[in-house]
Amino acid sequence: MDLDVQPLTEERWPDLVALFEQRGPRGGVSVAGQCWCAYWRLPRSEFHANWPRRGEVGERNREVLRSALDAGEPTGLIAYDGERPVGWIAVAPRENFVRLEASRPLARPDSTPAWSVVCFVVDSQYRRHGVAGALLRAAIDDSRARGAVCIEAYGCAATDGDPFTGHETLFADNGFDVVARRGRRAIMRRHLR
């Protein structure tokens, strides 16, 4: 599949909204439209206080991601099939993700400055078509271009029912190595310099 992957910008914000707020098979808002990748950007208590009622859009969580974009922080990349937004990867310097920084199982394995891949969202009609791989390769290139020396990910087993952080095999196939394993997710890294 020939995808165009671009960083999230003010002009592309409506495309991300369209991707995240797609209705699921039962008519409700997708998990992406409730979470907005705020899970990693907020302390646990604040994230749970922001969680919307069933089927509603996560307005407060959306504002967290929007505020990061407005502040000029790196937030992630969007994949397009033509004009249609079909995928998202959240990637930014690790310190931008306060929950990640507070995690014991995902604690920094050393002092290497790293950018972190924390979430993938792929349109249900485009799953198993290479969108996540295209997003990851673009995130590697974009992070390197922004000066990152290392990119880090938190891979789960292929049988894990919560694959939002990506599967270990996806990262391994793209040059990442396991550097620590404390719990159900592996800390995986690829050095960029």
N, C-alpha and C. Protein backbone atom coordinates (compact mmCIF):
# COMPACT_ATOMS: atom_id res chain seq x y z
N MET A 1 0.85 -1.18 0.00
CA MET A 1 0.00 0.00 0.00
C MET A 1 0.89 1.24 0.00
N ASP A 2 0.58 2.20 -0.85
CA ASP A 2 1.35 3.43 -0.95
C ASP A 2 0.71 4.49 -0.07
N LEU A 3 1.28 4.69 1.12
CA LEU A 3 0.73 5.64 2.08
C LEU A 3 1.60 6.88 2.16
N ASP A 4 0.98 7.99 2.45
CA ASP A 4 1.68 9.24 2.70
C ASP A 4 1.59 9.48 4.21
N VAL A 5 2.72 9.55 4.90
CA VAL A 5 2.73 9.73 6.35
C VAL A 5 3.31 11.10 6.66
N GLN A 6 2.55 11.89 7.43
CA GLN A 6 2.91 13.27 7.71
C GLN A 6 2.79 13.59 9.19
N PRO A 7 3.62 14.51 9.71
CA PRO A 7 3.46 14.93 11.11
C PRO A 7 2.12 15.63 11.32
N LEU A 8 1.58 15.48 12.53
CA LEU A 8 0.36 16.20 12.88
C LEU A 8 0.66 17.69 12.93
N THR A 9 -0.17 18.48 12.27
CA THR A 9 -0.07 19.94 12.27
C THR A 9 -1.47 20.50 12.51
N GLU A 10 -1.52 21.81 12.68
CA GLU A 10 -2.81 22.51 12.83
C GLU A 10 -3.72 22.18 11.65
N GLU A 11 -3.16 22.21 10.44
CA GLU A 11 -3.95 21.97 9.24
C GLU A 11 -4.45 20.52 9.16
N ARG A 12 -3.70 19.60 9.75
CA ARG A 12 -4.09 18.19 9.70
C ARG A 12 -4.94 17.76 10.90
N TRP A 13 -5.14 18.63 11.86
CA TRP A 13 -5.93 18.29 13.04
C TRP A 13 -7.32 17.74 12.68
N PRO A 14 -8.07 18.34 11.75
CA PRO A 14 -9.38 17.78 11.41
C PRO A 14 -9.30 16.34 10.89
N ASP A 15 -8.18 16.00 10.24
CA ASP A 15 -8.02 14.62 9.77
C ASP A 15 -7.87 13.65 10.94
N LEU A 16 -7.12 14.08 11.97
CA LEU A 16 -6.98 13.23 13.15
C LEU A 16 -8.32 13.08 13.87
N VAL A 17 -9.07 14.17 13.96
CA VAL A 17 -10.41 14.10 14.57
C VAL A 17 -11.28 13.10 13.81
N ALA A 18 -11.25 13.16 12.49
CA ALA A 18 -12.05 12.23 11.68
C ALA A 18 -11.63 10.78 11.93
N LEU A 19 -10.33 10.52 12.02
CA LEU A 19 -9.85 9.16 12.27
C LEU A 19 -10.24 8.69 13.67
N PHE A 20 -10.04 9.52 14.68
CA PHE A 20 -10.29 9.11 16.06
C PHE A 20 -11.78 9.01 16.39
N GLU A 21 -12.60 9.81 15.74
CA GLU A 21 -14.02 9.83 16.11
C GLU A 21 -14.89 8.98 15.19
N GLN A 22 -14.27 8.07 14.46
CA GLN A 22 -15.06 7.13 13.67
C GLN A 22 -15.94 6.32 14.61
N ARG A 23 -17.11 6.01 14.14
CA ARG A 23 -18.03 5.19 14.93
C ARG A 23 -17.66 3.73 14.79
N GLY A 24 -17.74 3.01 15.90
CA GLY A 24 -17.45 1.59 15.89
C GLY A 24 -18.62 0.80 15.34
N PRO A 25 -18.50 -0.54 15.31
CA PRO A 25 -19.55 -1.38 14.74
C PRO A 25 -20.87 -1.29 15.50
N ARG A 26 -20.82 -0.88 16.76
CA ARG A 26 -22.05 -0.75 17.55
C ARG A 26 -22.53 0.69 17.62
N GLY A 27 -21.90 1.58 16.84
CA GLY A 27 -22.34 2.96 16.78
C GLY A 27 -21.67 3.89 17.76
N GLY A 28 -20.88 3.37 18.71
CA GLY A 28 -20.22 4.21 19.69
C GLY A 28 -18.90 4.76 19.18
N VAL A 29 -18.38 5.72 19.88
CA VAL A 29 -17.08 6.30 19.56
C VAL A 29 -16.00 5.27 19.86
N SER A 30 -14.99 5.21 19.04
CA SER A 30 -13.88 4.27 19.24
C SER A 30 -13.11 4.62 20.52
N VAL A 31 -12.31 3.67 20.99
CA VAL A 31 -11.45 3.93 22.14
C VAL A 31 -10.52 5.11 21.85
N ALA A 32 -10.02 5.20 20.63
CA ALA A 32 -9.15 6.31 20.26
C ALA A 32 -9.86 7.65 20.48
N GLY A 33 -11.15 7.71 20.16
CA GLY A 33 -11.93 8.93 20.33
C GLY A 33 -12.29 9.23 21.77
N GLN A 34 -12.02 8.30 22.65
CA GLN A 34 -12.22 8.53 24.08
C GLN A 34 -10.88 8.86 24.76
N CYS A 35 -9.82 8.20 24.30
CA CYS A 35 -8.50 8.33 24.94
C CYS A 35 -7.68 9.50 24.41
N TRP A 36 -7.58 9.62 23.09
CA TRP A 36 -6.80 10.68 22.43
C TRP A 36 -5.33 10.65 22.83
N CYS A 37 -4.80 9.46 23.10
CA CYS A 37 -3.39 9.30 23.50
C CYS A 37 -3.05 10.10 24.75
N ALA A 38 -4.06 10.46 25.53
CA ALA A 38 -3.83 11.17 26.80
C ALA A 38 -3.39 10.20 27.89
N TYR A 39 -3.61 8.91 27.70
CA TYR A 39 -3.25 7.90 28.70
C TYR A 39 -1.80 8.09 29.14
N TRP A 40 -0.91 8.32 28.21
CA TRP A 40 0.51 8.45 28.54
C TRP A 40 0.91 9.86 28.93
N ARG A 41 0.09 10.84 28.59
CA ARG A 41 0.45 12.24 28.84
C ARG A 41 -0.03 12.76 30.20
N LEU A 42 -0.88 12.00 30.86
CA LEU A 42 -1.47 12.46 32.13
C LEU A 42 -1.18 11.50 33.27
N PRO A 43 -1.13 12.00 34.50
CA PRO A 43 -1.10 11.09 35.64
C PRO A 43 -2.37 10.24 35.64
N ARG A 44 -2.27 9.06 36.21
CA ARG A 44 -3.37 8.08 36.20
C ARG A 44 -4.69 8.68 36.69
N SER A 45 -4.68 9.37 37.82
CA SER A 45 -5.93 9.90 38.39
C SER A 45 -6.58 10.93 37.47
N GLU A 46 -5.76 11.77 36.86
CA GLU A 46 -6.30 12.79 35.95
C GLU A 46 -6.88 12.16 34.68
N PHE A 47 -6.18 11.16 34.15
CA PHE A 47 -6.68 10.48 32.97
C PHE A 47 -8.04 9.83 33.26
N HIS A 48 -8.16 9.15 34.38
CA HIS A 48 -9.42 8.48 34.71
C HIS A 48 -10.54 9.48 34.98
N ALA A 49 -10.20 10.62 35.54
CA ALA A 49 -11.22 11.66 35.75
C ALA A 49 -11.72 12.22 34.43
N ASN A 50 -10.87 12.20 33.42
CA ASN A 50 -11.23 12.72 32.09
C ASN A 50 -12.03 11.73 31.24
N TRP A 51 -12.02 10.44 31.62
CA TRP A 51 -12.61 9.42 30.75
C TRP A 51 -14.12 9.68 30.59
N PRO A 52 -14.59 9.70 29.34
CA PRO A 52 -16.01 10.00 29.09
C PRO A 52 -16.92 8.82 29.41
N ARG A 53 -18.21 9.12 29.47
CA ARG A 53 -19.19 8.05 29.62
C ARG A 53 -19.23 7.23 28.35
N ARG A 54 -19.72 6.03 28.46
CA ARG A 54 -19.76 5.08 27.34
C ARG A 54 -20.34 5.73 26.08
N GLY A 55 -19.60 5.59 24.99
CA GLY A 55 -20.07 6.07 23.69
C GLY A 55 -19.84 7.54 23.42
N GLU A 56 -19.31 8.27 24.40
CA GLU A 56 -19.09 9.70 24.20
C GLU A 56 -17.65 9.97 23.77
N VAL A 57 -17.46 11.11 23.14
CA VAL A 57 -16.12 11.56 22.76
C VAL A 57 -15.40 12.06 24.02
N GLY A 58 -14.12 11.76 24.12
CA GLY A 58 -13.32 12.22 25.26
C GLY A 58 -12.87 13.65 25.08
N GLU A 59 -13.77 14.59 25.30
CA GLU A 59 -13.48 16.02 25.07
C GLU A 59 -12.26 16.49 25.85
N ARG A 60 -12.18 16.15 27.14
CA ARG A 60 -11.05 16.63 27.95
C ARG A 60 -9.75 15.98 27.51
N ASN A 61 -9.80 14.70 27.14
CA ASN A 61 -8.58 14.05 26.65
C ASN A 61 -8.16 14.63 25.31
N ARG A 62 -9.15 14.94 24.47
CA ARG A 62 -8.82 15.56 23.18
C ARG A 62 -8.08 16.87 23.40
N GLU A 63 -8.50 17.63 24.40
CA GLU A 63 -7.86 18.92 24.68
C GLU A 63 -6.41 18.75 25.15
N VAL A 64 -6.09 17.63 25.79
CA VAL A 64 -4.71 17.36 26.21
C VAL A 64 -3.81 17.26 24.98
N LEU A 65 -4.25 16.47 24.00
CA LEU A 65 -3.45 16.32 22.77
C LEU A 65 -3.42 17.62 21.98
N ARG A 66 -4.55 18.29 21.93
CA ARG A 66 -4.61 19.57 21.20
C ARG A 66 -3.68 20.61 21.84
N SER A 67 -3.64 20.64 23.16
CA SER A 67 -2.76 21.58 23.86
C SER A 67 -1.29 21.31 23.56
N ALA A 68 -0.93 20.02 23.49
CA ALA A 68 0.45 19.67 23.14
C ALA A 68 0.78 20.16 21.73
N LEU A 69 -0.14 19.96 20.80
CA LEU A 69 0.06 20.44 19.43
C LEU A 69 0.19 21.96 19.40
N ASP A 70 -0.71 22.64 20.10
CA ASP A 70 -0.68 24.11 20.13
C ASP A 70 0.60 24.65 20.75
N ALA A 71 1.19 23.89 21.68
CA ALA A 71 2.43 24.31 22.34
C ALA A 71 3.66 24.02 21.48
N GLY A 72 3.45 23.41 20.31
CA GLY A 72 4.55 23.12 19.41
C GLY A 72 5.31 21.84 19.74
N GLU A 73 4.76 21.03 20.63
CA GLU A 73 5.40 19.76 20.99
C GLU A 73 5.21 18.74 19.87
N PRO A 74 6.17 17.85 19.68
CA PRO A 74 5.92 16.72 18.77
C PRO A 74 4.79 15.87 19.35
N THR A 75 3.89 15.42 18.52
CA THR A 75 2.76 14.62 19.00
C THR A 75 2.67 13.28 18.29
N GLY A 76 2.87 13.28 16.98
CA GLY A 76 2.77 12.04 16.23
C GLY A 76 2.60 12.30 14.74
N LEU A 77 2.31 11.21 14.03
CA LEU A 77 2.21 11.24 12.57
C LEU A 77 0.90 10.60 12.13
N ILE A 78 0.38 11.09 11.01
CA ILE A 78 -0.85 10.55 10.42
C ILE A 78 -0.52 9.91 9.08
N ALA A 79 -1.09 8.74 8.82
CA ALA A 79 -0.95 8.06 7.53
C ALA A 79 -2.19 8.32 6.70
N TYR A 80 -1.97 8.59 5.41
CA TYR A 80 -3.07 8.86 4.48
C TYR A 80 -3.03 7.86 3.34
N ASP A 81 -4.20 7.41 2.95
CA ASP A 81 -4.40 6.68 1.70
C ASP A 81 -5.12 7.68 0.79
N GLY A 82 -4.37 8.32 -0.08
CA GLY A 82 -4.95 9.44 -0.84
C GLY A 82 -5.23 10.58 0.14
N GLU A 83 -6.48 11.02 0.19
CA GLU A 83 -6.89 12.09 1.10
C GLU A 83 -7.40 11.54 2.44
N ARG A 84 -7.61 10.25 2.51
CA ARG A 84 -8.24 9.64 3.69
C ARG A 84 -7.21 9.35 4.79
N PRO A 85 -7.43 9.88 6.02
CA PRO A 85 -6.55 9.52 7.13
C PRO A 85 -6.87 8.09 7.59
N VAL A 86 -5.84 7.23 7.62
CA VAL A 86 -6.09 5.82 7.92
C VAL A 86 -5.28 5.30 9.11
N GLY A 87 -4.35 6.11 9.64
CA GLY A 87 -3.56 5.64 10.76
C GLY A 87 -2.86 6.76 11.50
N TRP A 88 -2.47 6.46 12.72
CA TRP A 88 -1.82 7.42 13.61
C TRP A 88 -0.78 6.69 14.45
N ILE A 89 0.32 7.35 14.70
CA ILE A 89 1.32 6.88 15.65
C ILE A 89 1.68 8.05 16.55
N ALA A 90 1.62 7.83 17.86
CA ALA A 90 2.02 8.85 18.83
C ALA A 90 3.50 8.64 19.11
N VAL A 91 4.29 9.66 18.86
CA VAL A 91 5.75 9.59 19.09
C VAL A 91 6.23 10.98 19.49
N ALA A 92 7.03 11.01 20.56
CA ALA A 92 7.55 12.27 21.09
C ALA A 92 8.68 11.94 22.06
N PRO A 93 9.41 12.95 22.51
CA PRO A 93 10.42 12.68 23.53
C PRO A 93 9.78 12.01 24.75
N ARG A 94 10.48 11.03 25.29
CA ARG A 94 9.94 10.24 26.39
C ARG A 94 9.44 11.10 27.55
N GLU A 95 10.15 12.19 27.85
CA GLU A 95 9.76 13.02 28.99
C GLU A 95 8.41 13.71 28.79
N ASN A 96 7.89 13.74 27.58
CA ASN A 96 6.55 14.31 27.34
C ASN A 96 5.43 13.41 27.85
N PHE A 97 5.76 12.17 28.18
CA PHE A 97 4.75 11.20 28.61
C PHE A 97 4.92 10.94 30.11
N VAL A 98 4.22 11.73 30.93
CA VAL A 98 4.42 11.68 32.38
C VAL A 98 4.07 10.32 32.97
N ARG A 99 3.08 9.66 32.42
CA ARG A 99 2.71 8.35 32.96
C ARG A 99 3.78 7.30 32.64
N LEU A 100 4.37 7.41 31.51
CA LEU A 100 5.46 6.52 31.14
C LEU A 100 6.65 6.74 32.08
N GLU A 101 6.94 7.99 32.35
CA GLU A 101 8.06 8.32 33.24
C GLU A 101 7.82 7.82 34.66
N ALA A 102 6.56 7.70 35.07
CA ALA A 102 6.24 7.24 36.42
C ALA A 102 6.07 5.72 36.51
N SER A 103 6.11 5.04 35.39
CA SER A 103 5.86 3.59 35.36
C SER A 103 7.06 2.80 35.89
N ARG A 104 6.81 1.88 36.78
CA ARG A 104 7.88 0.99 37.25
C ARG A 104 8.23 -0.05 36.19
N PRO A 105 7.25 -0.74 35.61
CA PRO A 105 7.62 -1.75 34.61
C PRO A 105 8.29 -1.16 33.37
N LEU A 106 7.96 0.09 33.04
CA LEU A 106 8.52 0.72 31.84
C LEU A 106 9.54 1.80 32.18
N ALA A 107 10.13 1.69 33.37
CA ALA A 107 11.14 2.67 33.80
C ALA A 107 12.31 2.68 32.83
N ARG A 108 12.93 3.83 32.72
CA ARG A 108 14.10 3.96 31.83
C ARG A 108 15.14 2.90 32.19
N PRO A 109 15.62 2.16 31.20
CA PRO A 109 16.65 1.17 31.49
C PRO A 109 18.03 1.78 31.70
N ASP A 110 18.22 3.02 31.23
CA ASP A 110 19.49 3.73 31.42
C ASP A 110 19.25 5.20 31.13
N SER A 111 20.28 5.99 31.06
CA SER A 111 20.13 7.44 30.90
C SER A 111 20.10 7.91 29.44
N THR A 112 20.06 7.00 28.49
CA THR A 112 20.04 7.38 27.07
C THR A 112 18.78 8.20 26.77
N PRO A 113 18.92 9.41 26.21
CA PRO A 113 17.74 10.17 25.83
C PRO A 113 17.00 9.45 24.71
N ALA A 114 15.71 9.28 24.87
CA ALA A 114 14.94 8.51 23.89
C ALA A 114 13.64 9.22 23.54
N TRP A 115 13.23 8.99 22.32
CA TRP A 115 11.86 9.31 21.91
C TRP A 115 11.05 8.04 22.08
N SER A 116 9.76 8.19 22.38
CA SER A 116 8.92 7.02 22.66
C SER A 116 7.76 6.92 21.69
N VAL A 117 7.55 5.70 21.21
CA VAL A 117 6.35 5.34 20.44
C VAL A 117 5.38 4.74 21.45
N VAL A 118 4.25 5.40 21.68
CA VAL A 118 3.35 4.91 22.73
C VAL A 118 1.99 4.43 22.22
N CYS A 119 1.64 4.73 20.97
CA CYS A 119 0.31 4.33 20.54
C CYS A 119 0.19 4.29 19.02
N PHE A 120 -0.59 3.32 18.56
CA PHE A 120 -0.99 3.21 17.16
C PHE A 120 -2.50 3.21 17.10
N VAL A 121 -3.05 3.87 16.09
CA VAL A 121 -4.47 3.77 15.76
C VAL A 121 -4.54 3.54 14.26
N VAL A 122 -5.22 2.46 13.86
CA VAL A 122 -5.37 2.16 12.44
C VAL A 122 -6.85 1.95 12.15
N ASP A 123 -7.34 2.64 11.12
CA ASP A 123 -8.72 2.49 10.66
C ASP A 123 -9.01 1.00 10.50
N SER A 124 -10.14 0.55 11.00
CA SER A 124 -10.46 -0.89 10.98
C SER A 124 -10.45 -1.48 9.57
N GLN A 125 -10.76 -0.68 8.56
CA GLN A 125 -10.75 -1.18 7.18
C GLN A 125 -9.34 -1.34 6.62
N TYR A 126 -8.34 -0.82 7.33
CA TYR A 126 -6.96 -0.84 6.84
C TYR A 126 -6.03 -1.71 7.69
N ARG A 127 -6.59 -2.39 8.67
CA ARG A 127 -5.75 -3.25 9.50
C ARG A 127 -5.24 -4.43 8.69
N ARG A 128 -4.03 -4.86 9.03
CA ARG A 128 -3.35 -5.97 8.36
C ARG A 128 -2.99 -5.64 6.91
N HIS A 129 -2.77 -4.35 6.65
CA HIS A 129 -2.35 -3.91 5.32
C HIS A 129 -1.03 -3.13 5.37
N GLY A 130 -0.30 -3.24 6.47
CA GLY A 130 1.01 -2.60 6.56
C GLY A 130 1.00 -1.16 7.05
N VAL A 131 -0.13 -0.67 7.54
CA VAL A 131 -0.20 0.73 7.97
C VAL A 131 0.69 0.97 9.19
N ALA A 132 0.64 0.08 10.18
CA ALA A 132 1.46 0.27 11.38
C ALA A 132 2.95 0.27 11.03
N GLY A 133 3.37 -0.61 10.14
CA GLY A 133 4.78 -0.63 9.73
C GLY A 133 5.18 0.65 9.04
N ALA A 134 4.32 1.16 8.16
CA ALA A 134 4.62 2.43 7.47
C ALA A 134 4.70 3.58 8.47
N LEU A 135 3.80 3.59 9.44
CA LEU A 135 3.83 4.62 10.48
C LEU A 135 5.12 4.54 11.29
N LEU A 136 5.50 3.33 11.68
CA LEU A 136 6.70 3.17 12.49
C LEU A 136 7.95 3.61 11.73
N ARG A 137 8.08 3.21 10.48
CA ARG A 137 9.24 3.62 9.69
C ARG A 137 9.30 5.14 9.54
N ALA A 138 8.15 5.77 9.34
CA ALA A 138 8.11 7.23 9.24
C ALA A 138 8.46 7.88 10.58
N ALA A 139 8.03 7.27 11.68
CA ALA A 139 8.35 7.81 13.01
C ALA A 139 9.84 7.72 13.29
N ILE A 140 10.47 6.64 12.85
CA ILE A 140 11.92 6.50 13.00
C ILE A 140 12.62 7.63 12.24
N ASP A 141 12.24 7.83 11.00
CA ASP A 141 12.86 8.88 10.17
C ASP A 141 12.60 10.27 10.73
N ASP A 142 11.35 10.52 11.17
CA ASP A 142 10.99 11.84 11.69
C ASP A 142 11.74 12.12 13.00
N SER A 143 11.82 11.13 13.87
CA SER A 143 12.53 11.31 15.14
C SER A 143 14.01 11.60 14.89
N ARG A 144 14.61 10.84 13.99
CA ARG A 144 16.02 11.07 13.64
C ARG A 144 16.20 12.49 13.11
N ALA A 145 15.32 12.93 12.22
CA ALA A 145 15.41 14.26 11.63
C ALA A 145 15.27 15.36 12.69
N ARG A 146 14.57 15.06 13.77
CA ARG A 146 14.38 16.04 14.85
C ARG A 146 15.47 15.95 15.91
N GLY A 147 16.47 15.11 15.65
CA GLY A 147 17.62 15.05 16.54
C GLY A 147 17.63 13.92 17.55
N ALA A 148 16.67 13.02 17.50
CA ALA A 148 16.65 11.90 18.45
C ALA A 148 17.85 10.99 18.20
N VAL A 149 18.43 10.48 19.28
CA VAL A 149 19.53 9.53 19.16
C VAL A 149 19.05 8.09 19.35
N CYS A 150 17.85 7.95 19.90
CA CYS A 150 17.31 6.62 20.19
C CYS A 150 15.78 6.72 20.16
N ILE A 151 15.14 5.67 19.65
CA ILE A 151 13.68 5.60 19.69
C ILE A 151 13.31 4.34 20.45
N GLU A 152 12.33 4.47 21.33
CA GLU A 152 11.96 3.41 22.24
C GLU A 152 10.50 3.05 22.05
N ALA A 153 10.17 1.76 22.24
CA ALA A 153 8.80 1.29 22.09
C ALA A 153 8.52 0.27 23.18
N TYR A 154 7.26 -0.09 23.35
CA TYR A 154 6.82 -0.93 24.45
C TYR A 154 5.96 -2.05 23.90
N GLY A 155 6.62 -2.99 23.25
CA GLY A 155 5.95 -4.04 22.52
C GLY A 155 5.25 -5.05 23.40
N CYS A 156 4.12 -5.53 22.91
CA CYS A 156 3.37 -6.58 23.60
C CYS A 156 3.38 -7.83 22.73
N ALA A 157 3.03 -8.94 23.33
CA ALA A 157 2.96 -10.20 22.59
C ALA A 157 1.84 -10.12 21.57
N ALA A 158 1.97 -10.88 20.50
CA ALA A 158 0.96 -10.87 19.42
C ALA A 158 -0.41 -11.32 19.92
N THR A 159 -0.45 -12.05 21.03
CA THR A 159 -1.72 -12.54 21.56
C THR A 159 -2.36 -11.57 22.55
N ASP A 160 -1.69 -10.47 22.84
CA ASP A 160 -2.20 -9.49 23.79
C ASP A 160 -3.45 -8.83 23.23
N GLY A 161 -4.48 -8.73 24.05
CA GLY A 161 -5.73 -8.12 23.62
C GLY A 161 -5.71 -6.61 23.61
N ASP A 162 -4.60 -5.98 23.99
CA ASP A 162 -4.49 -4.52 24.04
C ASP A 162 -3.26 -4.09 23.25
N PRO A 163 -3.35 -4.15 21.91
CA PRO A 163 -2.16 -3.92 21.08
C PRO A 163 -1.89 -2.46 20.73
N PHE A 164 -2.46 -1.52 21.46
CA PHE A 164 -2.31 -0.12 21.08
C PHE A 164 -0.86 0.35 21.06
N THR A 165 0.00 -0.25 21.89
CA THR A 165 1.40 0.16 21.89
C THR A 165 2.20 -0.54 20.79
N GLY A 166 1.61 -1.52 20.12
CA GLY A 166 2.28 -2.25 19.05
C GLY A 166 2.82 -3.59 19.52
N HIS A 167 2.94 -4.50 18.58
CA HIS A 167 3.44 -5.83 18.88
C HIS A 167 4.96 -5.89 18.80
N GLU A 168 5.54 -6.73 19.64
CA GLU A 168 6.99 -6.91 19.64
C GLU A 168 7.52 -7.23 18.25
N THR A 169 6.81 -8.06 17.52
CA THR A 169 7.29 -8.46 16.19
C THR A 169 7.39 -7.27 15.24
N LEU A 170 6.46 -6.33 15.33
CA LEU A 170 6.52 -5.13 14.49
C LEU A 170 7.82 -4.38 14.75
N PHE A 171 8.16 -4.22 16.01
CA PHE A 171 9.38 -3.48 16.34
C PHE A 171 10.63 -4.27 15.97
N ALA A 172 10.62 -5.56 16.28
CA ALA A 172 11.78 -6.40 15.94
C ALA A 172 12.04 -6.39 14.43
N ASP A 173 10.96 -6.43 13.64
CA ASP A 173 11.10 -6.41 12.18
C ASP A 173 11.63 -5.09 11.66
N ASN A 174 11.62 -4.06 12.51
CA ASN A 174 12.09 -2.73 12.11
C ASN A 174 13.33 -2.30 12.89
N GLY A 175 14.13 -3.29 13.32
CA GLY A 175 15.44 -3.00 13.89
C GLY A 175 15.49 -2.68 15.37
N PHE A 176 14.41 -2.93 16.11
CA PHE A 176 14.41 -2.69 17.55
C PHE A 176 14.87 -3.95 18.27
N ASP A 177 15.58 -3.74 19.38
CA ASP A 177 16.02 -4.84 20.23
C ASP A 177 15.40 -4.70 21.61
N VAL A 178 15.10 -5.82 22.25
CA VAL A 178 14.60 -5.80 23.63
C VAL A 178 15.76 -5.41 24.54
N VAL A 179 15.55 -4.37 25.36
CA VAL A 179 16.58 -3.94 26.31
C VAL A 179 16.16 -4.21 27.75
N ALA A 180 14.88 -4.44 27.98
CA ALA A 180 14.38 -4.76 29.33
C ALA A 180 12.99 -5.38 29.20
N ARG A 181 12.68 -6.22 30.16
CA ARG A 181 11.34 -6.81 30.22
C ARG A 181 10.95 -6.90 31.69
N ARG A 182 9.99 -6.06 32.06
CA ARG A 182 9.47 -6.05 33.43
C ARG A 182 7.96 -6.01 33.35
N GLY A 183 7.34 -7.12 33.26
CA GLY A 183 5.89 -7.16 33.09
C GLY A 183 5.53 -7.65 31.71
N ARG A 184 4.34 -7.28 31.25
CA ARG A 184 3.85 -7.85 29.98
C ARG A 184 4.37 -7.15 28.74
N ARG A 185 4.96 -6.00 28.88
CA ARG A 185 5.50 -5.29 27.72
C ARG A 185 7.02 -5.26 27.78
N ALA A 186 7.63 -5.41 26.62
CA ALA A 186 9.09 -5.32 26.53
C ALA A 186 9.47 -3.88 26.18
N ILE A 187 10.54 -3.38 26.80
CA ILE A 187 11.10 -2.11 26.38
C ILE A 187 12.05 -2.44 25.23
N MET A 188 11.78 -1.84 24.08
CA MET A 188 12.56 -2.12 22.88
C MET A 188 13.12 -0.82 22.34
N ARG A 189 14.35 -0.89 21.83
CA ARG A 189 15.01 0.33 21.35
C ARG A 189 15.66 0.11 20.00
N ARG A 190 15.74 1.23 19.30
CA ARG A 190 16.55 1.30 18.09
C ARG A 190 17.38 2.56 18.18
N HIS A 191 18.70 2.42 18.10
CA HIS A 191 19.57 3.59 18.13
C HIS A 191 19.60 4.22 16.74
N LEU A 192 19.57 5.54 16.70
CA LEU A 192 19.42 6.27 15.44
C LEU A 192 20.71 6.95 14.99
N ARG A 193 21.72 6.97 15.81
CA ARG A 193 22.97 7.65 15.45
C ARG A 193 24.15 6.73 15.73
